[in-house]
């Protein structure tokens, strides 16, 4: 039974290796990121830049996701992105922050200057 599962996992990881992106930087919770995302409008495609703070991260090989939060006109907008998706063209880390939690959901209840995070200097 276990041998069969191990063999399946090896096959799945071999297939996933072809679709994994190698150019993705190491992203941590609290980082401010700028992403270029391919958007389909009818028959046309364009690249839209999205900027925000990573408030959570779910690591699962090919299915790794990050939740990015930004405020537009005093309204908080969160979106979950699949990092290895072919729709994501590039990810750049603008700023790294020093955080002590794995999920920054407390930023949802804050606004203005209270949402600032301490900058991490290497």
PDB file of N, CA and C in Angstrom:
ATOM      1  N   UNK A   1       0.820  -1.200   0.000  1.00  0.00           N
ATOM      2  CA  UNK A   1       0.000   0.000   0.000  1.00  0.00           C
ATOM      3  C   UNK A   1       0.862   1.262   0.000  1.00  0.00           C
ATOM      4  N   UNK A   2       1.832   1.311   0.927  1.00  0.00           N
ATOM      5  CA  UNK A   2       2.686   2.492   1.014  1.00  0.00           C
ATOM      6  C   UNK A   2       3.588   2.631  -0.212  1.00  0.00           C
ATOM      7  N   UNK A   3       4.015   1.506  -0.749  1.00  0.00           N
ATOM      8  CA  UNK A   3       4.865   1.530  -1.935  1.00  0.00           C
ATOM      9  C   UNK A   3       4.112   2.117  -3.127  1.00  0.00           C
ATOM     10  N   UNK A   4       2.834   1.785  -3.223  1.00  0.00           N
ATOM     11  CA  UNK A   4       2.005   2.301  -4.305  1.00  0.00           C
ATOM     12  C   UNK A   4       1.831   3.822  -4.185  1.00  0.00           C
ATOM     13  N   UNK A   5       1.605   4.315  -2.966  1.00  0.00           N
ATOM     14  CA  UNK A   5       1.460   5.754  -2.741  1.00  0.00           C
ATOM     15  C   UNK A   5       2.760   6.494  -3.045  1.00  0.00           C
ATOM     16  N   UNK A   6       3.872   5.908  -2.635  1.00  0.00           N
ATOM     17  CA  UNK A   6       5.162   6.529  -2.881  1.00  0.00           C
ATOM     18  C   UNK A   6       5.432   6.642  -4.383  1.00  0.00           C
ATOM     19  N   UNK A   7       5.062   5.606  -5.126  1.00  0.00           N
ATOM     20  CA  UNK A   7       5.247   5.605  -6.572  1.00  0.00           C
ATOM     21  C   UNK A   7       4.372   6.674  -7.231  1.00  0.00           C
ATOM     22  N   UNK A   8       3.129   6.823  -6.742  1.00  0.00           N
ATOM     23  CA  UNK A   8       2.235   7.860  -7.264  1.00  0.00           C
ATOM     24  C   UNK A   8       2.795   9.247  -6.987  1.00  0.00           C
ATOM     25  N   UNK A   9       3.333   9.447  -5.779  1.00  0.00           N
ATOM     26  CA  UNK A   9       3.900  10.747  -5.436  1.00  0.00           C
ATOM     27  C   UNK A   9       5.095  11.091  -6.311  1.00  0.00           C
ATOM     28  N   UNK A  10       5.913  10.102  -6.635  1.00  0.00           N
ATOM     29  CA  UNK A  10       7.053  10.336  -7.511  1.00  0.00           C
ATOM     30  C   UNK A  10       6.607  10.728  -8.910  1.00  0.00           C
ATOM     31  N   UNK A  11       5.566  10.089  -9.401  1.00  0.00           N
ATOM     32  CA  UNK A  11       5.042  10.407 -10.733  1.00  0.00           C
ATOM     33  C   UNK A  11       4.464  11.818 -10.752  1.00  0.00           C
ATOM     34  N   UNK A  12       3.703  12.148  -9.710  1.00  0.00           N
ATOM     35  CA  UNK A  12       3.095  13.488  -9.632  1.00  0.00           C
ATOM     36  C   UNK A  12       4.165  14.558  -9.541  1.00  0.00           C
ATOM     37  N   UNK A  13       5.186  14.361  -8.723  1.00  0.00           N
ATOM     38  CA  UNK A  13       6.239  15.367  -8.589  1.00  0.00           C
ATOM     39  C   UNK A  13       7.045  15.511  -9.876  1.00  0.00           C
ATOM     40  N   UNK A  14       7.202  14.424 -10.641  1.00  0.00           N
ATOM     41  CA  UNK A  14       7.913  14.505 -11.923  1.00  0.00           C
ATOM     42  C   UNK A  14       7.123  15.330 -12.933  1.00  0.00           C
ATOM     43  N   UNK A  15       5.804  15.179 -12.925  1.00  0.00           N
ATOM     44  CA  UNK A  15       4.963  15.967 -13.831  1.00  0.00           C
ATOM     45  C   UNK A  15       4.930  17.426 -13.406  1.00  0.00           C
ATOM     46  N   UNK A  16       4.829  17.683 -12.099  1.00  0.00           N
ATOM     47  CA  UNK A  16       4.758  19.052 -11.588  1.00  0.00           C
ATOM     48  C   UNK A  16       6.050  19.815 -11.847  1.00  0.00           C
ATOM     49  N   UNK A  17       7.168  19.112 -11.911  1.00  0.00           N
ATOM     50  CA  UNK A  17       8.460  19.766 -12.110  1.00  0.00           C
ATOM     51  C   UNK A  17       8.494  20.565 -13.415  1.00  0.00           C
ATOM     52  N   UNK A  18       7.782  20.083 -14.447  1.00  0.00           N
ATOM     53  CA  UNK A  18       7.759  20.774 -15.732  1.00  0.00           C
ATOM     54  C   UNK A  18       7.018  22.108 -15.654  1.00  0.00           C
ATOM     55  N   UNK A  19       6.048  22.216 -14.761  1.00  0.00           N
ATOM     56  CA  UNK A  19       5.217  23.406 -14.684  1.00  0.00           C
ATOM     57  C   UNK A  19       5.681  24.406 -13.630  1.00  0.00           C
ATOM     58  N   UNK A  20       6.606  24.009 -12.772  1.00  0.00           N
ATOM     59  CA  UNK A  20       7.096  24.900 -11.728  1.00  0.00           C
ATOM     60  C   UNK A  20       7.976  25.986 -12.329  1.00  0.00           C
ATOM     61  N   UNK A  21       7.810  27.212 -11.836  1.00  0.00           N
ATOM     62  CA  UNK A  21       8.644  28.326 -12.291  1.00  0.00           C
ATOM     63  C   UNK A  21       9.896  28.387 -11.430  1.00  0.00           C
ATOM     64  N   UNK A  22      11.017  28.655 -12.071  1.00  0.00           N
ATOM     65  CA  UNK A  22      12.274  28.728 -11.328  1.00  0.00           C
ATOM     66  C   UNK A  22      12.699  30.172 -11.066  1.00  0.00           C
ATOM     67  N   UNK A  23      11.992  31.131 -11.667  1.00  0.00           N
ATOM     68  CA  UNK A  23      12.394  32.530 -11.550  1.00  0.00           C
ATOM     69  C   UNK A  23      11.684  33.269 -10.417  1.00  0.00           C
ATOM     70  N   UNK A  24      10.921  32.559  -9.602  1.00  0.00           N
ATOM     71  CA  UNK A  24      10.172  33.200  -8.521  1.00  0.00           C
ATOM     72  C   UNK A  24      11.094  33.474  -7.335  1.00  0.00           C
ATOM     73  N   UNK A  25      11.081  34.711  -6.813  1.00  0.00           N
ATOM     74  CA  UNK A  25      11.904  35.002  -5.637  1.00  0.00           C
ATOM     75  C   UNK A  25      11.302  34.349  -4.387  1.00  0.00           C
ATOM     76  N   UNK A  26      12.082  34.316  -3.326  1.00  0.00           N
ATOM     77  CA  UNK A  26      11.596  33.758  -2.061  1.00  0.00           C
ATOM     78  C   UNK A  26      10.695  34.803  -1.414  1.00  0.00           C
ATOM     79  N   UNK A  27       9.419  34.481  -1.302  1.00  0.00           N
ATOM     80  CA  UNK A  27       8.427  35.417  -0.788  1.00  0.00           C
ATOM     81  C   UNK A  27       8.077  35.030   0.640  1.00  0.00           C
ATOM     82  N   UNK A  28       8.069  36.014   1.525  1.00  0.00           N
ATOM     83  CA  UNK A  28       7.686  35.798   2.916  1.00  0.00           C
ATOM     84  C   UNK A  28       6.453  36.624   3.232  1.00  0.00           C
ATOM     85  N   UNK A  29       5.788  36.279   4.313  1.00  0.00           N
ATOM     86  CA  UNK A  29       4.634  37.053   4.764  1.00  0.00           C
ATOM     87  C   UNK A  29       5.143  38.411   5.241  1.00  0.00           C
ATOM     88  N   UNK A  30       4.452  39.468   4.842  1.00  0.00           N
ATOM     89  CA  UNK A  30       4.848  40.832   5.202  1.00  0.00           C
ATOM     90  C   UNK A  30       5.576  41.542   4.084  1.00  0.00           C
ATOM     91  N   UNK A  31       5.948  40.840   3.035  1.00  0.00           N
ATOM     92  CA  UNK A  31       6.641  41.467   1.913  1.00  0.00           C
ATOM     93  C   UNK A  31       5.667  42.293   1.081  1.00  0.00           C
ATOM     94  N   UNK A  32       6.142  43.419   0.585  1.00  0.00           N
ATOM     95  CA  UNK A  32       5.374  44.186  -0.393  1.00  0.00           C
ATOM     96  C   UNK A  32       5.835  43.729  -1.762  1.00  0.00           C
ATOM     97  N   UNK A  33       4.889  43.258  -2.568  1.00  0.00           N
ATOM     98  CA  UNK A  33       5.234  42.694  -3.867  1.00  0.00           C
ATOM     99  C   UNK A  33       4.554  43.468  -4.989  1.00  0.00           C
ATOM    100  N   UNK A  34       5.198  43.419  -6.151  1.00  0.00           N
ATOM    101  CA  UNK A  34       4.620  43.975  -7.368  1.00  0.00           C
ATOM    102  C   UNK A  34       4.610  42.854  -8.386  1.00  0.00           C
ATOM    103  N   UNK A  35       3.408  42.522  -8.879  1.00  0.00           N
ATOM    104  CA  UNK A  35       3.270  41.405  -9.791  1.00  0.00           C
ATOM    105  C   UNK A  35       2.694  41.880 -11.110  1.00  0.00           C
ATOM    106  N   UNK A  36       3.177  41.301 -12.194  1.00  0.00           N
ATOM    107  CA  UNK A  36       2.642  41.561 -13.523  1.00  0.00           C
ATOM    108  C   UNK A  36       1.781  40.368 -13.900  1.00  0.00           C
ATOM    109  N   UNK A  37       0.481  40.627 -14.104  1.00  0.00           N
ATOM    110  CA  UNK A  37      -0.475  39.553 -14.359  1.00  0.00           C
ATOM    111  C   UNK A  37      -1.082  39.725 -15.737  1.00  0.00           C
ATOM    112  N   UNK A  38      -1.171  38.627 -16.468  1.00  0.00           N
ATOM    113  CA  UNK A  38      -1.758  38.624 -17.804  1.00  0.00           C
ATOM    114  C   UNK A  38      -3.274  38.567 -17.681  1.00  0.00           C
ATOM    115  N   UNK A  39      -3.960  39.541 -18.298  1.00  0.00           N
ATOM    116  CA  UNK A  39      -5.420  39.613 -18.217  1.00  0.00           C
ATOM    117  C   UNK A  39      -6.001  39.482 -19.613  1.00  0.00           C
ATOM    118  N   UNK A  40      -7.007  38.635 -19.723  1.00  0.00           N
ATOM    119  CA  UNK A  40      -7.663  38.392 -21.005  1.00  0.00           C
ATOM    120  C   UNK A  40      -8.942  39.224 -21.067  1.00  0.00           C
ATOM    121  N   UNK A  41      -9.041  40.088 -22.068  1.00  0.00           N
ATOM    122  CA  UNK A  41     -10.247  40.881 -22.279  1.00  0.00           C
ATOM    123  C   UNK A  41     -10.735  40.605 -23.695  1.00  0.00           C
ATOM    124  N   UNK A  42     -11.726  39.749 -23.792  1.00  0.00           N
ATOM    125  CA  UNK A  42     -12.203  39.348 -25.108  1.00  0.00           C
ATOM    126  C   UNK A  42     -11.147  38.522 -25.806  1.00  0.00           C
ATOM    127  N   UNK A  43     -10.684  39.014 -26.952  1.00  0.00           N
ATOM    128  CA  UNK A  43      -9.638  38.309 -27.685  1.00  0.00           C
ATOM    129  C   UNK A  43      -8.268  38.929 -27.439  1.00  0.00           C
ATOM    130  N   UNK A  44      -8.222  40.019 -26.681  1.00  0.00           N
ATOM    131  CA  UNK A  44      -6.951  40.712 -26.424  1.00  0.00           C
ATOM    132  C   UNK A  44      -6.398  40.324 -25.065  1.00  0.00           C
ATOM    133  N   UNK A  45      -5.070  40.408 -24.954  1.00  0.00           N
ATOM    134  CA  UNK A  45      -4.400  40.165 -23.687  1.00  0.00           C
ATOM    135  C   UNK A  45      -3.584  41.390 -23.337  1.00  0.00           C
ATOM    136  N   UNK A  46      -3.561  41.705 -22.033  1.00  0.00           N
ATOM    137  CA  UNK A  46      -2.730  42.817 -21.573  1.00  0.00           C
ATOM    138  C   UNK A  46      -2.148  42.450 -20.223  1.00  0.00           C
ATOM    139  N   UNK A  47      -1.113  43.192 -19.840  1.00  0.00           N
ATOM    140  CA  UNK A  47      -0.460  42.941 -18.560  1.00  0.00           C
ATOM    141  C   UNK A  47      -0.885  44.022 -17.577  1.00  0.00           C
ATOM    142  N   UNK A  48      -1.357  43.596 -16.408  1.00  0.00           N
ATOM    143  CA  UNK A  48      -1.762  44.531 -15.370  1.00  0.00           C
ATOM    144  C   UNK A  48      -0.847  44.345 -14.166  1.00  0.00           C
ATOM    145  N   UNK A  49      -0.355  45.447 -13.621  1.00  0.00           N
ATOM    146  CA  UNK A  49       0.498  45.395 -12.448  1.00  0.00           C
ATOM    147  C   UNK A  49      -0.350  45.459 -11.187  1.00  0.00           C
ATOM    148  N   UNK A  50      -0.054  44.576 -10.242  1.00  0.00           N
ATOM    149  CA  UNK A  50      -0.750  44.526  -8.967  1.00  0.00           C
ATOM    150  C   UNK A  50       0.292  44.688  -7.877  1.00  0.00           C
ATOM    151  N   UNK A  51       0.004  45.574  -6.923  1.00  0.00           N
ATOM    152  CA  UNK A  51       0.951  45.838  -5.852  1.00  0.00           C
ATOM    153  C   UNK A  51       0.230  45.695  -4.520  1.00  0.00           C
ATOM    154  N   UNK A  52       0.863  45.074  -3.550  1.00  0.00           N
ATOM    155  CA  UNK A  52       0.238  44.919  -2.242  1.00  0.00           C
ATOM    156  C   UNK A  52       1.141  44.178  -1.272  1.00  0.00           C
ATOM    157  N   UNK A  53       0.600  43.915  -0.090  1.00  0.00           N
ATOM    158  CA  UNK A  53       1.333  43.246   0.980  1.00  0.00           C
ATOM    159  C   UNK A  53       0.863  41.798   1.064  1.00  0.00           C
ATOM    160  N   UNK A  54       1.806  40.885   1.183  1.00  0.00           N
ATOM    161  CA  UNK A  54       1.483  39.468   1.330  1.00  0.00           C
ATOM    162  C   UNK A  54       1.051  39.249   2.773  1.00  0.00           C
ATOM    163  N   UNK A  55      -0.236  38.890   2.979  1.00  0.00           N
ATOM    164  CA  UNK A  55      -0.722  38.693   4.351  1.00  0.00           C
ATOM    165  C   UNK A  55      -0.788  37.217   4.741  1.00  0.00           C
ATOM    166  N   UNK A  56      -0.776  36.317   3.759  1.00  0.00           N
ATOM    167  CA  UNK A  56      -0.719  34.893   4.092  1.00  0.00           C
ATOM    168  C   UNK A  56      -0.108  34.129   2.934  1.00  0.00           C
ATOM    169  N   UNK A  57       0.335  32.937   3.271  1.00  0.00           N
ATOM    170  CA  UNK A  57       1.002  32.102   2.278  1.00  0.00           C
ATOM    171  C   UNK A  57       0.641  30.651   2.561  1.00  0.00           C
ATOM    172  N   UNK A  58       0.341  29.909   1.507  1.00  0.00           N
ATOM    173  CA  UNK A  58       0.042  28.488   1.626  1.00  0.00           C
ATOM    174  C   UNK A  58       1.006  27.743   0.720  1.00  0.00           C
ATOM    175  N   UNK A  59       1.934  27.007   1.323  1.00  0.00           N
ATOM    176  CA  UNK A  59       2.957  26.319   0.537  1.00  0.00           C
ATOM    177  C   UNK A  59       2.527  24.890   0.278  1.00  0.00           C
ATOM    178  N   UNK A  60       2.450  24.542  -1.003  1.00  0.00           N
ATOM    179  CA  UNK A  60       2.057  23.190  -1.377  1.00  0.00           C
ATOM    180  C   UNK A  60       2.583  22.882  -2.771  1.00  0.00           C
ATOM    181  N   UNK A  61       3.899  22.824  -2.899  1.00  0.00           N
ATOM    182  CA  UNK A  61       4.576  22.506  -4.158  1.00  0.00           C
ATOM    183  C   UNK A  61       4.071  23.373  -5.309  1.00  0.00           C
ATOM    184  N   UNK A  62       3.390  22.780  -6.257  1.00  0.00           N
ATOM    185  CA  UNK A  62       2.907  23.501  -7.425  1.00  0.00           C
ATOM    186  C   UNK A  62       1.705  24.391  -7.089  1.00  0.00           C
ATOM    187  N   UNK A  63       0.946  24.027  -6.058  1.00  0.00           N
ATOM    188  CA  UNK A  63      -0.255  24.770  -5.680  1.00  0.00           C
ATOM    189  C   UNK A  63       0.012  25.849  -4.639  1.00  0.00           C
ATOM    190  N   UNK A  64       1.219  26.369  -4.570  1.00  0.00           N
ATOM    191  CA  UNK A  64       1.561  27.409  -3.613  1.00  0.00           C
ATOM    192  C   UNK A  64       0.797  28.688  -3.938  1.00  0.00           C
ATOM    193  N   UNK A  65       0.150  29.252  -2.923  1.00  0.00           N
ATOM    194  CA  UNK A  65      -0.612  30.477  -3.121  1.00  0.00           C
ATOM    195  C   UNK A  65      -0.169  31.542  -2.136  1.00  0.00           C
ATOM    196  N   UNK A  66      -0.380  32.807  -2.522  1.00  0.00           N
ATOM    197  CA  UNK A  66      -0.180  33.927  -1.616  1.00  0.00           C
ATOM    198  C   UNK A  66      -1.428  34.796  -1.659  1.00  0.00           C
ATOM    199  N   UNK A  67      -1.759  35.392  -0.520  1.00  0.00           N
ATOM    200  CA  UNK A  67      -2.869  36.334  -0.448  1.00  0.00           C
ATOM    201  C   UNK A  67      -2.277  37.731  -0.370  1.00  0.00           C
ATOM    202  N   UNK A  68      -2.640  38.578  -1.334  1.00  0.00           N
ATOM    203  CA  UNK A  68      -2.097  39.936  -1.416  1.00  0.00           C
ATOM    204  C   UNK A  68      -3.206  40.915  -1.067  1.00  0.00           C
ATOM    205  N   UNK A  69      -2.895  41.847  -0.184  1.00  0.00           N
ATOM    206  CA  UNK A  69      -3.863  42.858   0.251  1.00  0.00           C
ATOM    207  C   UNK A  69      -3.366  44.242  -0.126  1.00  0.00           C
ATOM    208  N   UNK A  70      -4.289  45.041  -0.652  1.00  0.00           N
ATOM    209  CA  UNK A  70      -3.990  46.433  -0.954  1.00  0.00           C
ATOM    210  C   UNK A  70      -5.231  47.252  -0.661  1.00  0.00           C
ATOM    211  N   UNK A  71      -5.058  48.554  -0.488  1.00  0.00           N
ATOM    212  CA  UNK A  71      -6.206  49.418  -0.247  1.00  0.00           C
ATOM    213  C   UNK A  71      -6.387  50.332  -1.443  1.00  0.00           C
ATOM    214  N   UNK A  72      -7.612  50.357  -1.968  1.00  0.00           N
ATOM    215  CA  UNK A  72      -7.966  51.227  -3.081  1.00  0.00           C
ATOM    216  C   UNK A  72      -9.119  52.108  -2.638  1.00  0.00           C
ATOM    217  N   UNK A  73      -8.896  53.412  -2.610  1.00  0.00           N
ATOM    218  CA  UNK A  73      -9.914  54.383  -2.209  1.00  0.00           C
ATOM    219  C   UNK A  73     -10.528  54.012  -0.863  1.00  0.00           C
ATOM    220  N   UNK A  74      -9.670  53.727   0.115  1.00  0.00           N
ATOM    221  CA  UNK A  74     -10.038  53.366   1.488  1.00  0.00           C
ATOM    222  C   UNK A  74     -10.858  52.079   1.589  1.00  0.00           C
ATOM    223  N   UNK A  75     -10.763  51.232   0.611  1.00  0.00           N
ATOM    224  CA  UNK A  75     -11.416  49.919   0.648  1.00  0.00           C
ATOM    225  C   UNK A  75     -10.332  48.859   0.501  1.00  0.00           C
ATOM    226  N   UNK A  76     -10.294  47.923   1.443  1.00  0.00           N
ATOM    227  CA  UNK A  76      -9.303  46.859   1.396  1.00  0.00           C
ATOM    228  C   UNK A  76      -9.688  45.794   0.388  1.00  0.00           C
ATOM    229  N   UNK A  77      -8.735  45.414  -0.461  1.00  0.00           N
ATOM    230  CA  UNK A  77      -8.966  44.394  -1.480  1.00  0.00           C
ATOM    231  C   UNK A  77      -7.943  43.287  -1.281  1.00  0.00           C
ATOM    232  N   UNK A  78      -8.435  42.048  -1.156  1.00  0.00           N
ATOM    233  CA  UNK A  78      -7.546  40.898  -1.016  1.00  0.00           C
ATOM    234  C   UNK A  78      -7.795  39.951  -2.170  1.00  0.00           C
ATOM    235  N   UNK A  79      -6.715  39.333  -2.628  1.00  0.00           N
ATOM    236  CA  UNK A  79      -6.848  38.373  -3.707  1.00  0.00           C
ATOM    237  C   UNK A  79      -5.811  37.273  -3.524  1.00  0.00           C
ATOM    238  N   UNK A  80      -6.218  36.059  -3.815  1.00  0.00           N
ATOM    239  CA  UNK A  80      -5.329  34.903  -3.700  1.00  0.00           C
ATOM    240  C   UNK A  80      -4.763  34.605  -5.081  1.00  0.00           C
ATOM    241  N   UNK A  81      -3.443  34.475  -5.168  1.00  0.00           N
ATOM    242  CA  UNK A  81      -2.770  34.205  -6.443  1.00  0.00           C
ATOM    243  C   UNK A  81      -2.021  32.890  -6.362  1.00  0.00           C
ATOM    244  N   UNK A  82      -2.151  32.090  -7.417  1.00  0.00           N
ATOM    245  CA  UNK A  82      -1.335  30.886  -7.571  1.00  0.00           C
ATOM    246  C   UNK A  82       0.021  31.335  -8.118  1.00  0.00           C
ATOM    247  N   UNK A  83       1.069  31.101  -7.391  1.00  0.00           N
ATOM    248  CA  UNK A  83       2.391  31.619  -7.771  1.00  0.00           C
ATOM    249  C   UNK A  83       2.895  31.016  -9.076  1.00  0.00           C
ATOM    250  N   UNK A  84       2.665  29.733  -9.289  1.00  0.00           N
ATOM    251  CA  UNK A  84       3.193  29.056 -10.469  1.00  0.00           C
ATOM    252  C   UNK A  84       2.245  29.108 -11.663  1.00  0.00           C
ATOM    253  N   UNK A  85       1.220  29.952 -11.585  1.00  0.00           N
ATOM    254  CA  UNK A  85       0.263  30.080 -12.677  1.00  0.00           C
ATOM    255  C   UNK A  85       0.932  30.696 -13.902  1.00  0.00           C
ATOM    256  N   UNK A  86       0.583  30.251 -15.102  1.00  0.00           N
ATOM    257  CA  UNK A  86       1.159  30.856 -16.306  1.00  0.00           C
ATOM    258  C   UNK A  86       0.656  32.276 -16.544  1.00  0.00           C
ATOM    259  N   UNK A  87      -0.387  32.693 -15.847  1.00  0.00           N
ATOM    260  CA  UNK A  87      -0.899  34.055 -15.998  1.00  0.00           C
ATOM    261  C   UNK A  87      -0.031  35.084 -15.278  1.00  0.00           C
ATOM    262  N   UNK A  88       0.764  34.653 -14.309  1.00  0.00           N
ATOM    263  CA  UNK A  88       1.654  35.567 -13.603  1.00  0.00           C
ATOM    264  C   UNK A  88       2.965  35.652 -14.375  1.00  0.00           C
ATOM    265  N   UNK A  89       3.249  36.848 -14.892  1.00  0.00           N
ATOM    266  CA  UNK A  89       4.448  37.055 -15.706  1.00  0.00           C
ATOM    267  C   UNK A  89       5.691  37.239 -14.844  1.00  0.00           C
ATOM    268  N   UNK A  90       5.588  38.095 -13.813  1.00  0.00           N
ATOM    269  CA  UNK A  90       6.753  38.349 -12.967  1.00  0.00           C
ATOM    270  C   UNK A  90       6.304  38.758 -11.576  1.00  0.00           C
ATOM    271  N   UNK A  91       7.169  38.506 -10.614  1.00  0.00           N
ATOM    272  CA  UNK A  91       6.941  38.917  -9.224  1.00  0.00           C
ATOM    273  C   UNK A  91       8.211  39.610  -8.753  1.00  0.00           C
ATOM    274  N   UNK A  92       8.061  40.828  -8.231  1.00  0.00           N
ATOM    275  CA  UNK A  92       9.194  41.569  -7.684  1.00  0.00           C
ATOM    276  C   UNK A  92       8.891  41.934  -6.241  1.00  0.00           C
ATOM    277  N   UNK A  93       9.868  41.762  -5.384  1.00  0.00           N
ATOM    278  CA  UNK A  93       9.714  42.140  -3.986  1.00  0.00           C
ATOM    279  C   UNK A  93      10.203  43.583  -3.851  1.00  0.00           C
ATOM    280  N   UNK A  94       9.304  44.463  -3.430  1.00  0.00           N
ATOM    281  CA  UNK A  94       9.641  45.878  -3.284  1.00  0.00           C
ATOM    282  C   UNK A  94      10.266  46.137  -1.921  1.00  0.00           C
ATOM    283  N   UNK A  95       9.632  45.596  -0.870  1.00  0.00           N
ATOM    284  CA  UNK A  95      10.046  45.877   0.495  1.00  0.00           C
ATOM    285  C   UNK A  95       9.828  44.630   1.335  1.00  0.00           C
ATOM    286  N   UNK A  96      10.746  44.354   2.237  1.00  0.00           N
ATOM    287  CA  UNK A  96      10.576  43.242   3.171  1.00  0.00           C
ATOM    288  C   UNK A  96      10.241  43.835   4.532  1.00  0.00           C
ATOM    289  N   UNK A  97       9.351  43.167   5.260  1.00  0.00           N
ATOM    290  CA  UNK A  97       8.943  43.661   6.564  1.00  0.00           C
ATOM    291  C   UNK A  97       9.254  42.632   7.641  1.00  0.00           C
ATOM    292  N   UNK A  98       9.498  43.144   8.835  1.00  0.00           N
ATOM    293  CA  UNK A  98       9.769  42.284   9.985  1.00  0.00           C
ATOM    294  C   UNK A  98       8.432  41.993  10.660  1.00  0.00           C
ATOM    295  N   UNK A  99       7.989  40.747  10.580  1.00  0.00           N
ATOM    296  CA  UNK A  99       6.719  40.357  11.193  1.00  0.00           C
ATOM    297  C   UNK A  99       6.957  39.156  12.097  1.00  0.00           C
ATOM    298  N   UNK A 100       6.059  38.984  13.070  1.00  0.00           N
ATOM    299  CA  UNK A 100       6.207  37.899  14.027  1.00  0.00           C
ATOM    300  C   UNK A 100       5.073  36.894  13.940  1.00  0.00           C
ATOM    301  N   UNK A 101       4.281  36.985  12.876  1.00  0.00           N
ATOM    302  CA  UNK A 101       3.154  36.078  12.706  1.00  0.00           C
ATOM    303  C   UNK A 101       3.190  35.454  11.325  1.00  0.00           C
ATOM    304  N   UNK A 102       2.543  34.322  11.204  1.00  0.00           N
ATOM    305  CA  UNK A 102       2.483  33.629   9.916  1.00  0.00           C
ATOM    306  C   UNK A 102       1.370  34.185   9.042  1.00  0.00           C
ATOM    307  N   UNK A 103       0.308  34.702   9.658  1.00  0.00           N
ATOM    308  CA  UNK A 103      -0.816  35.289   8.925  1.00  0.00           C
ATOM    309  C   UNK A 103      -1.068  36.689   9.477  1.00  0.00           C
ATOM    310  N   UNK A 104      -1.169  37.656   8.598  1.00  0.00           N
ATOM    311  CA  UNK A 104      -1.346  39.048   9.014  1.00  0.00           C
ATOM    312  C   UNK A 104      -2.797  39.496   8.853  1.00  0.00           C
ATOM    313  N   UNK A 105      -3.728  38.667   9.321  1.00  0.00           N
ATOM    314  CA  UNK A 105      -5.142  38.989   9.173  1.00  0.00           C
ATOM    315  C   UNK A 105      -5.554  40.194  10.017  1.00  0.00           C
ATOM    316  N   UNK A 106      -4.747  40.563  11.026  1.00  0.00           N
ATOM    317  CA  UNK A 106      -5.082  41.713  11.850  1.00  0.00           C
ATOM    318  C   UNK A 106      -5.035  43.022  11.062  1.00  0.00           C
ATOM    319  N   UNK A 107      -4.393  43.015   9.888  1.00  0.00           N
ATOM    320  CA  UNK A 107      -4.351  44.229   9.063  1.00  0.00           C
ATOM    321  C   UNK A 107      -5.721  44.570   8.490  1.00  0.00           C
ATOM    322  N   UNK A 108      -6.630  43.598   8.467  1.00  0.00           N
ATOM    323  CA  UNK A 108      -7.967  43.842   7.933  1.00  0.00           C
ATOM    324  C   UNK A 108      -8.729  44.867   8.769  1.00  0.00           C
ATOM    325  N   UNK A 109      -8.511  44.864  10.067  1.00  0.00           N
ATOM    326  CA  UNK A 109      -9.253  45.767  10.945  1.00  0.00           C
ATOM    327  C   UNK A 109      -8.553  47.111  11.127  1.00  0.00           C
ATOM    328  N   UNK A 110      -7.416  47.300  10.500  1.00  0.00           N
ATOM    329  CA  UNK A 110      -6.679  48.546  10.645  1.00  0.00           C
ATOM    330  C   UNK A 110      -6.739  49.360   9.356  1.00  0.00           C
ATOM    331  N   UNK A 111      -6.545  50.650   9.498  1.00  0.00           N
ATOM    332  CA  UNK A 111      -6.549  51.521   8.324  1.00  0.00           C
ATOM    333  C   UNK A 111      -5.533  52.636   8.519  1.00  0.00           C
ATOM    334  N   UNK A 112      -5.123  53.226   7.415  1.00  0.00           N
ATOM    335  CA  UNK A 112      -4.188  54.354   7.464  1.00  0.00           C
ATOM    336  C   UNK A 112      -2.796  53.951   7.892  1.00  0.00           C
ATOM    337  N   UNK A 113      -2.220  54.767   8.789  1.00  0.00           N
ATOM    338  CA  UNK A 113      -0.843  54.524   9.220  1.00  0.00           C
ATOM    339  C   UNK A 113      -0.704  53.282  10.094  1.00  0.00           C
ATOM    340  N   UNK A 114      -1.795  52.788  10.626  1.00  0.00           N
ATOM    341  CA  UNK A 114      -1.754  51.599  11.483  1.00  0.00           C
ATOM    342  C   UNK A 114      -1.423  50.339  10.693  1.00  0.00           C
ATOM    343  N   UNK A 115      -1.530  50.402   9.367  1.00  0.00           N
ATOM    344  CA  UNK A 115      -1.237  49.221   8.548  1.00  0.00           C
ATOM    345  C   UNK A 115       0.240  49.126   8.176  1.00  0.00           C
ATOM    346  N   UNK A 116       1.033  50.109   8.588  1.00  0.00           N
ATOM    347  CA  UNK A 116       2.456  50.060   8.234  1.00  0.00           C
ATOM    348  C   UNK A 116       3.158  48.950   9.006  1.00  0.00           C
ATOM    349  N   UNK A 117       4.123  48.331   8.353  1.00  0.00           N
ATOM    350  CA  UNK A 117       4.926  47.274   8.964  1.00  0.00           C
ATOM    351  C   UNK A 117       6.362  47.757   9.053  1.00  0.00           C
ATOM    352  N   UNK A 118       7.084  47.246  10.040  1.00  0.00           N
ATOM    353  CA  UNK A 118       8.487  47.634  10.213  1.00  0.00           C
ATOM    354  C   UNK A 118       9.332  47.056   9.089  1.00  0.00           C
ATOM    355  N   UNK A 119      10.153  47.882   8.470  1.00  0.00           N
ATOM    356  CA  UNK A 119      11.001  47.436   7.362  1.00  0.00           C
ATOM    357  C   UNK A 119      12.152  46.618   7.886  1.00  0.00           C
ATOM    358  N   UNK A 120      12.441  45.510   7.197  1.00  0.00           N
ATOM    359  CA  UNK A 120      13.550  44.637   7.561  1.00  0.00           C
ATOM    360  C   UNK A 120      14.768  45.018   6.745  1.00  0.00           C
ATOM    361  N   UNK A 121      15.862  45.256   7.421  1.00  0.00           N
ATOM    362  CA  UNK A 121      17.131  45.558   6.747  1.00  0.00           C
ATOM    363  C   UNK A 121      18.027  44.347   6.864  1.00  0.00           C
ATOM    364  N   UNK A 122      18.577  43.888   5.743  1.00  0.00           N
ATOM    365  CA  UNK A 122      19.411  42.683   5.754  1.00  0.00           C
ATOM    366  C   UNK A 122      20.685  42.941   6.405  1.00  0.00           C
TER     367      UNK A 122
END
